[in-house]
PDB file of all heavy atoms in Angstrom:
ATOM      1  N   VAL A   1       5.150  14.230  59.681  1.00  0.00           N
ATOM      2  CA  VAL A   1       4.273  15.362  59.957  1.00  0.00           C
ATOM      3  C   VAL A   1       4.872  16.191  61.073  1.00  0.00           C
ATOM      4  O   VAL A   1       5.303  15.673  62.100  1.00  0.00           O
ATOM      5  CB  VAL A   1       2.862  14.850  60.379  1.00  0.00           C
ATOM      6  CG1 VAL A   1       1.956  15.991  60.767  1.00  0.00           C
ATOM      7  CG2 VAL A   1       2.249  14.000  59.290  1.00  0.00           C
ATOM      8  N   ALA A   2       4.944  17.511  60.850  1.00  0.00           N
ATOM      9  CA  ALA A   2       5.465  18.411  61.891  1.00  0.00           C
ATOM     10  C   ALA A   2       4.575  18.307  63.135  1.00  0.00           C
ATOM     11  O   ALA A   2       3.391  18.109  63.033  1.00  0.00           O
ATOM     12  CB  ALA A   2       5.492  19.839  61.363  1.00  0.00           C
ATOM     13  N   LEU A   3       5.200  18.463  64.296  1.00  0.00           N
ATOM     14  CA  LEU A   3       4.456  18.323  65.568  1.00  0.00           C
ATOM     15  C   LEU A   3       3.263  19.245  65.620  1.00  0.00           C
ATOM     16  O   LEU A   3       2.213  18.875  66.129  1.00  0.00           O
ATOM     17  CB  LEU A   3       5.390  18.569  66.731  1.00  0.00           C
ATOM     18  CG  LEU A   3       4.805  18.335  68.114  1.00  0.00           C
ATOM     19  CD1 LEU A   3       4.271  16.896  68.237  1.00  0.00           C
ATOM     20  CD2 LEU A   3       5.818  18.590  69.186  1.00  0.00           C
ATOM     21  N   ASP A   4       3.412  20.469  65.097  1.00  0.00           N
ATOM     22  CA  ASP A   4       2.275  21.424  65.149  1.00  0.00           C
ATOM     23  C   ASP A   4       1.095  20.969  64.297  1.00  0.00           C
ATOM     24  O   ASP A   4      -0.031  21.390  64.520  1.00  0.00           O
ATOM     25  CB  ASP A   4       2.724  22.811  64.667  1.00  0.00           C
ATOM     26  CG  ASP A   4       3.566  23.522  65.711  1.00  0.00           C
ATOM     27  OD1 ASP A   4       3.568  23.102  66.887  1.00  0.00           O
ATOM     28  OD2 ASP A   4       4.191  24.522  65.340  1.00  0.00           O
ATOM     29  N   ASP A   5       1.342  20.134  63.289  1.00  0.00           N
ATOM     30  CA  ASP A   5       0.288  19.667  62.402  1.00  0.00           C
ATOM     31  C   ASP A   5      -0.219  18.268  62.735  1.00  0.00           C
ATOM     32  O   ASP A   5      -1.130  17.772  62.092  1.00  0.00           O
ATOM     33  CB  ASP A   5       0.760  19.695  60.955  1.00  0.00           C
ATOM     34  CG  ASP A   5       1.023  21.101  60.478  1.00  0.00           C
ATOM     35  OD1 ASP A   5       0.220  22.009  60.794  1.00  0.00           O
ATOM     36  OD2 ASP A   5       2.028  21.319  59.757  1.00  0.00           O
ATOM     37  N   LYS A   6       0.391  17.630  63.714  1.00  0.00           N
ATOM     38  CA  LYS A   6       0.028  16.262  64.045  1.00  0.00           C
ATOM     39  C   LYS A   6      -1.279  16.262  64.836  1.00  0.00           C
ATOM     40  O   LYS A   6      -1.416  16.931  65.878  1.00  0.00           O
ATOM     41  CB  LYS A   6       1.133  15.615  64.895  1.00  0.00           C
ATOM     42  CG  LYS A   6       0.921  14.170  65.112  1.00  0.00           C
ATOM     43  CD  LYS A   6       2.137  13.535  65.724  1.00  0.00           C
ATOM     44  CE  LYS A   6       1.893  12.052  65.817  1.00  0.00           C
ATOM     45  NZ  LYS A   6       3.108  11.288  65.714  1.00  0.00           N
ATOM     46  N   PRO A   7      -2.297  15.529  64.358  1.00  0.00           N
ATOM     47  CA  PRO A   7      -3.580  15.485  65.052  1.00  0.00           C
ATOM     48  C   PRO A   7      -3.488  14.643  66.326  1.00  0.00           C
ATOM     49  O   PRO A   7      -3.312  13.445  66.277  1.00  0.00           O
ATOM     50  CB  PRO A   7      -4.545  14.864  64.034  1.00  0.00           C
ATOM     51  CG  PRO A   7      -3.653  14.147  63.061  1.00  0.00           C
ATOM     52  CD  PRO A   7      -2.318  14.770  63.128  1.00  0.00           C
ATOM     53  N   LEU A   8      -3.592  15.344  67.453  1.00  0.00           N
ATOM     54  CA  LEU A   8      -3.384  14.692  68.763  1.00  0.00           C
ATOM     55  C   LEU A   8      -4.558  14.789  69.726  1.00  0.00           C
ATOM     56  O   LEU A   8      -4.708  13.956  70.617  1.00  0.00           O
ATOM     57  CB  LEU A   8      -2.167  15.323  69.454  1.00  0.00           C
ATOM     58  CG  LEU A   8      -0.818  15.216  68.756  1.00  0.00           C
ATOM     59  CD1 LEU A   8       0.194  16.100  69.463  1.00  0.00           C
ATOM     60  CD2 LEU A   8      -0.351  13.767  68.732  1.00  0.00           C
ATOM     61  N   PHE A   9      -5.372  15.840  69.573  1.00  0.00           N
ATOM     62  CA  PHE A   9      -6.336  16.179  70.616  1.00  0.00           C
ATOM     63  C   PHE A   9      -7.757  15.912  70.158  1.00  0.00           C
ATOM     64  O   PHE A   9      -8.169  16.317  69.059  1.00  0.00           O
ATOM     65  CB  PHE A   9      -6.199  17.656  70.979  1.00  0.00           C
ATOM     66  CG  PHE A   9      -4.794  18.063  71.355  1.00  0.00           C
ATOM     67  CD1 PHE A   9      -3.965  18.666  70.426  1.00  0.00           C
ATOM     68  CD2 PHE A   9      -4.273  17.790  72.612  1.00  0.00           C
ATOM     69  CE1 PHE A   9      -2.666  19.036  70.736  1.00  0.00           C
ATOM     70  CE2 PHE A   9      -2.977  18.123  72.953  1.00  0.00           C
ATOM     71  CZ  PHE A   9      -2.164  18.745  72.005  1.00  0.00           C
ATOM     72  N   THR A  10      -8.531  15.288  71.030  1.00  0.00           N
ATOM     73  CA  THR A  10      -9.929  15.008  70.714  1.00  0.00           C
ATOM     74  C   THR A  10     -10.813  16.266  70.893  1.00  0.00           C
ATOM     75  O   THR A  10     -10.366  17.247  71.503  1.00  0.00           O
ATOM     76  CB  THR A  10     -10.510  13.902  71.634  1.00  0.00           C
ATOM     77  OG1 THR A  10     -10.483  14.400  72.979  1.00  0.00           O
ATOM     78  CG2 THR A  10      -9.711  12.626  71.505  1.00  0.00           C
ATOM     79  N   THR A  11     -12.014  16.182  70.399  1.00  0.00           N
ATOM     80  CA  THR A  11     -12.954  17.295  70.533  1.00  0.00           C
ATOM     81  C   THR A  11     -13.162  17.661  72.002  1.00  0.00           C
ATOM     82  O   THR A  11     -13.164  18.811  72.362  1.00  0.00           O
ATOM     83  CB  THR A  11     -14.313  16.924  69.896  1.00  0.00           C
ATOM     84  OG1 THR A  11     -14.084  16.615  68.520  1.00  0.00           O
ATOM     85  CG2 THR A  11     -15.325  18.067  70.020  1.00  0.00           C
ATOM     86  N   GLY A  12     -13.320  16.643  72.847  1.00  0.00           N
ATOM     87  CA  GLY A  12     -13.547  16.912  74.266  1.00  0.00           C
ATOM     88  C   GLY A  12     -12.371  17.602  74.937  1.00  0.00           C
ATOM     89  O   GLY A  12     -12.559  18.514  75.743  1.00  0.00           O
ATOM     90  N   VAL A  13     -11.161  17.214  74.599  1.00  0.00           N
ATOM     91  CA  VAL A  13      -9.980  17.842  75.145  1.00  0.00           C
ATOM     92  C   VAL A  13      -9.873  19.293  74.701  1.00  0.00           C
ATOM     93  O   VAL A  13      -9.676  20.221  75.511  1.00  0.00           O
ATOM     94  CB  VAL A  13      -8.701  17.054  74.771  1.00  0.00           C
ATOM     95  CG1 VAL A  13      -7.444  17.829  75.109  1.00  0.00           C
ATOM     96  CG2 VAL A  13      -8.694  15.701  75.443  1.00  0.00           C
ATOM     97  N   VAL A  14     -10.056  19.546  73.409  1.00  0.00           N
ATOM     98  CA  VAL A  14      -9.959  20.871  72.877  1.00  0.00           C
ATOM     99  C   VAL A  14     -11.050  21.795  73.434  1.00  0.00           C
ATOM    100  O   VAL A  14     -10.776  22.925  73.840  1.00  0.00           O
ATOM    101  CB  VAL A  14     -10.011  20.863  71.333  1.00  0.00           C
ATOM    102  CG1 VAL A  14     -10.081  22.282  70.758  1.00  0.00           C
ATOM    103  CG2 VAL A  14      -8.793  20.169  70.769  1.00  0.00           C
ATOM    104  N   SER A  15     -12.280  21.274  73.504  1.00  0.00           N
ATOM    105  CA  SER A  15     -13.344  22.109  74.043  1.00  0.00           C
ATOM    106  C   SER A  15     -13.112  22.439  75.504  1.00  0.00           C
ATOM    107  O   SER A  15     -13.366  23.556  75.947  1.00  0.00           O
ATOM    108  CB  SER A  15     -14.703  21.429  73.844  1.00  0.00           C
ATOM    109  OG  SER A  15     -14.821  20.269  74.630  1.00  0.00           O
ATOM    110  N   GLY A  16     -12.559  21.491  76.251  1.00  0.00           N
ATOM    111  CA  GLY A  16     -12.250  21.725  77.652  1.00  0.00           C
ATOM    112  C   GLY A  16     -11.126  22.739  77.825  1.00  0.00           C
ATOM    113  O   GLY A  16     -11.174  23.640  78.688  1.00  0.00           O
ATOM    114  N   LEU A  17     -10.084  22.621  77.043  1.00  0.00           N
ATOM    115  CA  LEU A  17      -8.945  23.532  77.117  1.00  0.00           C
ATOM    116  C   LEU A  17      -9.317  24.960  76.768  1.00  0.00           C
ATOM    117  O   LEU A  17      -8.844  25.903  77.383  1.00  0.00           O
ATOM    118  CB  LEU A  17      -7.842  23.105  76.146  1.00  0.00           C
ATOM    119  CG  LEU A  17      -6.967  21.900  76.538  1.00  0.00           C
ATOM    120  CD1 LEU A  17      -6.064  21.542  75.377  1.00  0.00           C
ATOM    121  CD2 LEU A  17      -6.107  22.280  77.755  1.00  0.00           C
ATOM    122  N   LEU A  18     -10.171  25.110  75.765  1.00  0.00           N
ATOM    123  CA  LEU A  18     -10.488  26.446  75.248  1.00  0.00           C
ATOM    124  C   LEU A  18     -11.806  27.025  75.741  1.00  0.00           C
ATOM    125  O   LEU A  18     -12.135  28.155  75.462  1.00  0.00           O
ATOM    126  CB  LEU A  18     -10.514  26.428  73.721  1.00  0.00           C
ATOM    127  CG  LEU A  18      -9.235  25.912  73.039  1.00  0.00           C
ATOM    128  CD1 LEU A  18      -9.379  25.982  71.532  1.00  0.00           C
ATOM    129  CD2 LEU A  18      -8.038  26.708  73.498  1.00  0.00           C
ATOM    130  N   GLY A  19     -12.546  26.199  76.512  1.00  0.00           N
ATOM    131  CA  GLY A  19     -13.821  26.692  77.032  1.00  0.00           C
ATOM    132  C   GLY A  19     -14.853  26.896  75.921  1.00  0.00           C
ATOM    133  O   GLY A  19     -15.621  27.846  75.961  1.00  0.00           O
ATOM    134  N   ILE A  20     -14.850  25.998  74.963  1.00  0.00           N
ATOM    135  CA  ILE A  20     -15.736  26.080  73.813  1.00  0.00           C
ATOM    136  C   ILE A  20     -16.618  24.826  73.795  1.00  0.00           C
ATOM    137  O   ILE A  20     -16.118  23.717  73.988  1.00  0.00           O
ATOM    138  CB  ILE A  20     -14.965  26.182  72.498  1.00  0.00           C
ATOM    139  CG1 ILE A  20     -14.161  27.472  72.420  1.00  0.00           C
ATOM    140  CG2 ILE A  20     -15.883  26.056  71.303  1.00  0.00           C
ATOM    141  CD1 ILE A  20     -13.288  27.589  71.219  1.00  0.00           C
ATOM    142  N   ASN A  21     -17.898  24.991  73.559  1.00  0.00           N
ATOM    143  CA  ASN A  21     -18.804  23.877  73.420  1.00  0.00           C
ATOM    144  C   ASN A  21     -18.368  23.001  72.246  1.00  0.00           C
ATOM    145  O   ASN A  21     -18.014  23.526  71.182  1.00  0.00           O
ATOM    146  CB  ASN A  21     -20.228  24.420  73.207  1.00  0.00           C
ATOM    147  CG  ASN A  21     -21.262  23.349  73.257  1.00  0.00           C
ATOM    148  OD1 ASN A  21     -21.210  22.366  72.542  1.00  0.00           O
ATOM    149  ND2 ASN A  21     -22.229  23.552  74.137  1.00  0.00           N
ATOM    150  N   PRO A  22     -18.389  21.680  72.411  1.00  0.00           N
ATOM    151  CA  PRO A  22     -18.022  20.794  71.285  1.00  0.00           C
ATOM    152  C   PRO A  22     -18.815  21.081  70.007  1.00  0.00           C
ATOM    153  O   PRO A  22     -18.309  20.998  68.909  1.00  0.00           O
ATOM    154  CB  PRO A  22     -18.275  19.389  71.821  1.00  0.00           C
ATOM    155  CG  PRO A  22     -18.170  19.529  73.299  1.00  0.00           C
ATOM    156  CD  PRO A  22     -18.661  20.931  73.613  1.00  0.00           C
ATOM    157  N   LYS A  23     -20.088  21.421  70.160  1.00  0.00           N
ATOM    158  CA  LYS A  23     -20.918  21.717  69.001  1.00  0.00           C
ATOM    159  C   LYS A  23     -20.392  22.934  68.257  1.00  0.00           C
ATOM    160  O   LYS A  23     -20.502  23.019  67.034  1.00  0.00           O
ATOM    161  CB  LYS A  23     -22.365  21.928  69.454  1.00  0.00           C
ATOM    162  CG  LYS A  23     -23.348  22.252  68.360  1.00  0.00           C
ATOM    163  CD  LYS A  23     -23.478  21.107  67.375  1.00  0.00           C
ATOM    164  CE  LYS A  23     -24.525  21.449  66.326  1.00  0.00           C
ATOM    165  NZ  LYS A  23     -24.329  20.696  65.099  1.00  0.00           N
ATOM    166  N   THR A  24     -19.823  23.883  68.970  1.00  0.00           N
ATOM    167  CA  THR A  24     -19.223  25.068  68.346  1.00  0.00           C
ATOM    168  C   THR A  24     -18.061  24.654  67.442  1.00  0.00           C
ATOM    169  O   THR A  24     -17.927  25.193  66.339  1.00  0.00           O
ATOM    170  CB  THR A  24     -18.741  26.086  69.421  1.00  0.00           C
ATOM    171  OG1 THR A  24     -19.872  26.460  70.204  1.00  0.00           O
ATOM    172  CG2 THR A  24     -18.124  27.309  68.783  1.00  0.00           C
ATOM    173  N   LEU A  25     -17.254  23.725  67.873  1.00  0.00           N
ATOM    174  CA  LEU A  25     -16.158  23.247  67.042  1.00  0.00           C
ATOM    175  C   LEU A  25     -16.703  22.580  65.781  1.00  0.00           C
ATOM    176  O   LEU A  25     -16.145  22.793  64.689  1.00  0.00           O
ATOM    177  CB  LEU A  25     -15.311  22.259  67.837  1.00  0.00           C
ATOM    178  CG  LEU A  25     -14.582  22.843  69.043  1.00  0.00           C
ATOM    179  CD1 LEU A  25     -13.908  21.719  69.859  1.00  0.00           C
ATOM    180  CD2 LEU A  25     -13.541  23.874  68.602  1.00  0.00           C
ATOM    181  N   ILE A  26     -17.764  21.839  65.903  1.00  0.00           N
ATOM    182  CA  ILE A  26     -18.389  21.211  64.755  1.00  0.00           C
ATOM    183  C   ILE A  26     -18.948  22.290  63.817  1.00  0.00           C
ATOM    184  O   ILE A  26     -18.820  22.199  62.585  1.00  0.00           O
ATOM    185  CB  ILE A  26     -19.488  20.210  65.190  1.00  0.00           C
ATOM    186  CG1 ILE A  26     -18.842  19.065  65.958  1.00  0.00           C
ATOM    187  CG2 ILE A  26     -20.298  19.715  64.017  1.00  0.00           C
ATOM    188  CD1 ILE A  26     -19.837  18.183  66.696  1.00  0.00           C
ATOM    189  N   ASN A  27     -19.536  23.330  64.369  1.00  0.00           N
ATOM    190  CA  ASN A  27     -20.042  24.436  63.565  1.00  0.00           C
ATOM    191  C   ASN A  27     -18.922  25.102  62.780  1.00  0.00           C
ATOM    192  O   ASN A  27     -19.087  25.449  61.607  1.00  0.00           O
ATOM    193  CB  ASN A  27     -20.792  25.458  64.407  1.00  0.00           C
ATOM    194  CG  ASN A  27     -22.096  24.969  64.962  1.00  0.00           C
ATOM    195  OD1 ASN A  27     -22.685  24.010  64.451  1.00  0.00           O
ATOM    196  ND2 ASN A  27     -22.571  25.605  66.015  1.00  0.00           N
ATOM    197  N   TYR A  28     -17.772  25.309  63.432  1.00  0.00           N
ATOM    198  CA  TYR A  28     -16.625  25.895  62.747  1.00  0.00           C
ATOM    199  C   TYR A  28     -16.187  25.000  61.571  1.00  0.00           C
ATOM    200  O   TYR A  28     -15.881  25.511  60.482  1.00  0.00           O
ATOM    201  CB  TYR A  28     -15.426  26.074  63.694  1.00  0.00           C
ATOM    202  CG  TYR A  28     -15.566  27.092  64.801  1.00  0.00           C
ATOM    203  CD1 TYR A  28     -14.654  27.180  65.797  1.00  0.00           C
ATOM    204  CD2 TYR A  28     -16.635  27.998  64.830  1.00  0.00           C
ATOM    205  CE1 TYR A  28     -14.712  28.125  66.804  1.00  0.00           C
ATOM    206  CE2 TYR A  28     -16.742  28.926  65.850  1.00  0.00           C
ATOM    207  CZ  TYR A  28     -15.785  28.985  66.839  1.00  0.00           C
ATOM    208  OH  TYR A  28     -15.867  29.942  67.823  1.00  0.00           O
ATOM    209  N   GLU A  29     -16.173  23.692  61.803  1.00  0.00           N
ATOM    210  CA  GLU A  29     -15.801  22.779  60.743  1.00  0.00           C
ATOM    211  C   GLU A  29     -16.819  22.805  59.615  1.00  0.00           C
ATOM    212  O   GLU A  29     -16.457  22.895  58.445  1.00  0.00           O
ATOM    213  CB  GLU A  29     -15.717  21.342  61.309  1.00  0.00           C
ATOM    214  CG  GLU A  29     -15.298  20.321  60.280  1.00  0.00           C
ATOM    215  CD  GLU A  29     -15.270  18.912  60.810  1.00  0.00           C
ATOM    216  OE1 GLU A  29     -15.780  18.652  61.936  1.00  0.00           O
ATOM    217  OE2 GLU A  29     -14.759  18.050  60.080  1.00  0.00           O
ATOM    218  N   ASN A  30     -18.110  22.762  59.959  1.00  0.00           N
ATOM    219  CA  ASN A  30     -19.160  22.785  58.940  1.00  0.00           C
ATOM    220  C   ASN A  30     -19.168  24.093  58.124  1.00  0.00           C
ATOM    221  O   ASN A  30     -19.546  24.088  56.939  1.00  0.00           O
ATOM    222  CB  ASN A  30     -20.535  22.571  59.568  1.00  0.00           C
ATOM    223  CG  ASN A  30     -20.706  21.164  60.110  1.00  0.00           C
ATOM    224  OD1 ASN A  30     -19.994  20.249  59.701  1.00  0.00           O
ATOM    225  ND2 ASN A  30     -21.630  20.999  61.002  1.00  0.00           N
ATOM    226  N   ALA A  31     -18.736  25.178  58.754  1.00  0.00           N
ATOM    227  CA  ALA A  31     -18.686  26.469  58.071  1.00  0.00           C
ATOM    228  C   ALA A  31     -17.450  26.597  57.179  1.00  0.00           C
ATOM    229  O   ALA A  31     -17.286  27.584  56.455  1.00  0.00           O
ATOM    230  CB  ALA A  31     -18.714  27.606  59.090  1.00  0.00           C
ATOM    231  N   GLY A  32     -16.541  25.612  57.259  1.00  0.00           N
ATOM    232  CA  GLY A  32     -15.345  25.645  56.457  1.00  0.00           C
ATOM    233  C   GLY A  32     -14.198  26.425  57.077  1.00  0.00           C
ATOM    234  O   GLY A  32     -13.231  26.726  56.388  1.00  0.00           O
ATOM    235  N   LEU A  33     -14.308  26.745  58.364  1.00  0.00           N
ATOM    236  CA  LEU A  33     -13.264  27.471  59.038  1.00  0.00           C
ATOM    237  C   LEU A  33     -12.114  26.563  59.497  1.00  0.00           C
ATOM    238  O   LEU A  33     -11.003  27.003  59.720  1.00  0.00           O
ATOM    239  CB  LEU A  33     -13.822  28.217  60.238  1.00  0.00           C
ATOM    240  CG  LEU A  33     -14.913  29.224  59.956  1.00  0.00           C
ATOM    241  CD1 LEU A  33     -15.447  29.826  61.259  1.00  0.00           C
ATOM    242  CD2 LEU A  33     -14.433  30.306  59.005  1.00  0.00           C
ATOM    243  N   LEU A  34     -12.426  25.288  59.633  1.00  0.00           N
ATOM    244  CA  LEU A  34     -11.432  24.271  60.047  1.00  0.00           C
ATOM    245  C   LEU A  34     -11.517  23.082  59.136  1.00  0.00           C
ATOM    246  O   LEU A  34     -12.594  22.734  58.679  1.00  0.00           O
ATOM    247  CB  LEU A  34     -11.734  23.779  61.477  1.00  0.00           C
ATOM    248  CG  LEU A  34     -11.619  24.715  62.642  1.00  0.00           C
ATOM    249  CD1 LEU A  34     -12.167  24.049  63.904  1.00  0.00           C
ATOM    250  CD2 LEU A  34     -10.174  25.103  62.851  1.00  0.00           C
ATOM    251  N   ARG A  35     -10.370  22.448  58.916  1.00  0.00           N
ATOM    252  CA  ARG A  35     -10.319  21.139  58.259  1.00  0.00           C
ATOM    253  C   ARG A  35      -9.754  20.199  59.291  1.00  0.00           C
ATOM    254  O   ARG A  35      -8.543  20.118  59.473  1.00  0.00           O
ATOM    255  CB  ARG A  35      -9.452  21.193  57.029  1.00  0.00           C
ATOM    256  CG  ARG A  35     -10.065  21.991  55.930  1.00  0.00           C
ATOM    257  CD  ARG A  35      -9.249  21.860  54.644  1.00  0.00           C
ATOM    258  NE  ARG A  35      -9.537  23.011  53.804  1.00  0.00           N
ATOM    259  CZ  ARG A  35      -8.660  23.859  53.335  1.00  0.00           C
ATOM    260  NH1 ARG A  35      -7.399  23.681  53.578  1.00  0.00           N
ATOM    261  NH2 ARG A  35      -9.049  24.852  52.598  1.00  0.00           N
ATOM    262  N   VAL A  36     -10.621  19.466  59.954  1.00  0.00           N
ATOM    263  CA  VAL A  36     -10.216  18.623  61.056  1.00  0.00           C
ATOM    264  C   VAL A  36      -9.873  17.226  60.554  1.00  0.00           C
ATOM    265  O   VAL A  36     -10.548  16.700  59.671  1.00  0.00           O
ATOM    266  CB  VAL A  36     -11.365  18.531  62.076  1.00  0.00           C
ATOM    267  CG1 VAL A  36     -11.014  17.650  63.247  1.00  0.00           C
ATOM    268  CG2 VAL A  36     -11.730  19.931  62.593  1.00  0.00           C
TER     269      VAL A  36
END
């Protein structure tokens, strides 16, 4: 798997890095915007 596609970061880490609520990330996934 290419490094850019390797799943490495948890929801908490990503939400902290990007300043996004973890629930928002789940909403993006549920809306089909992300395939986590």
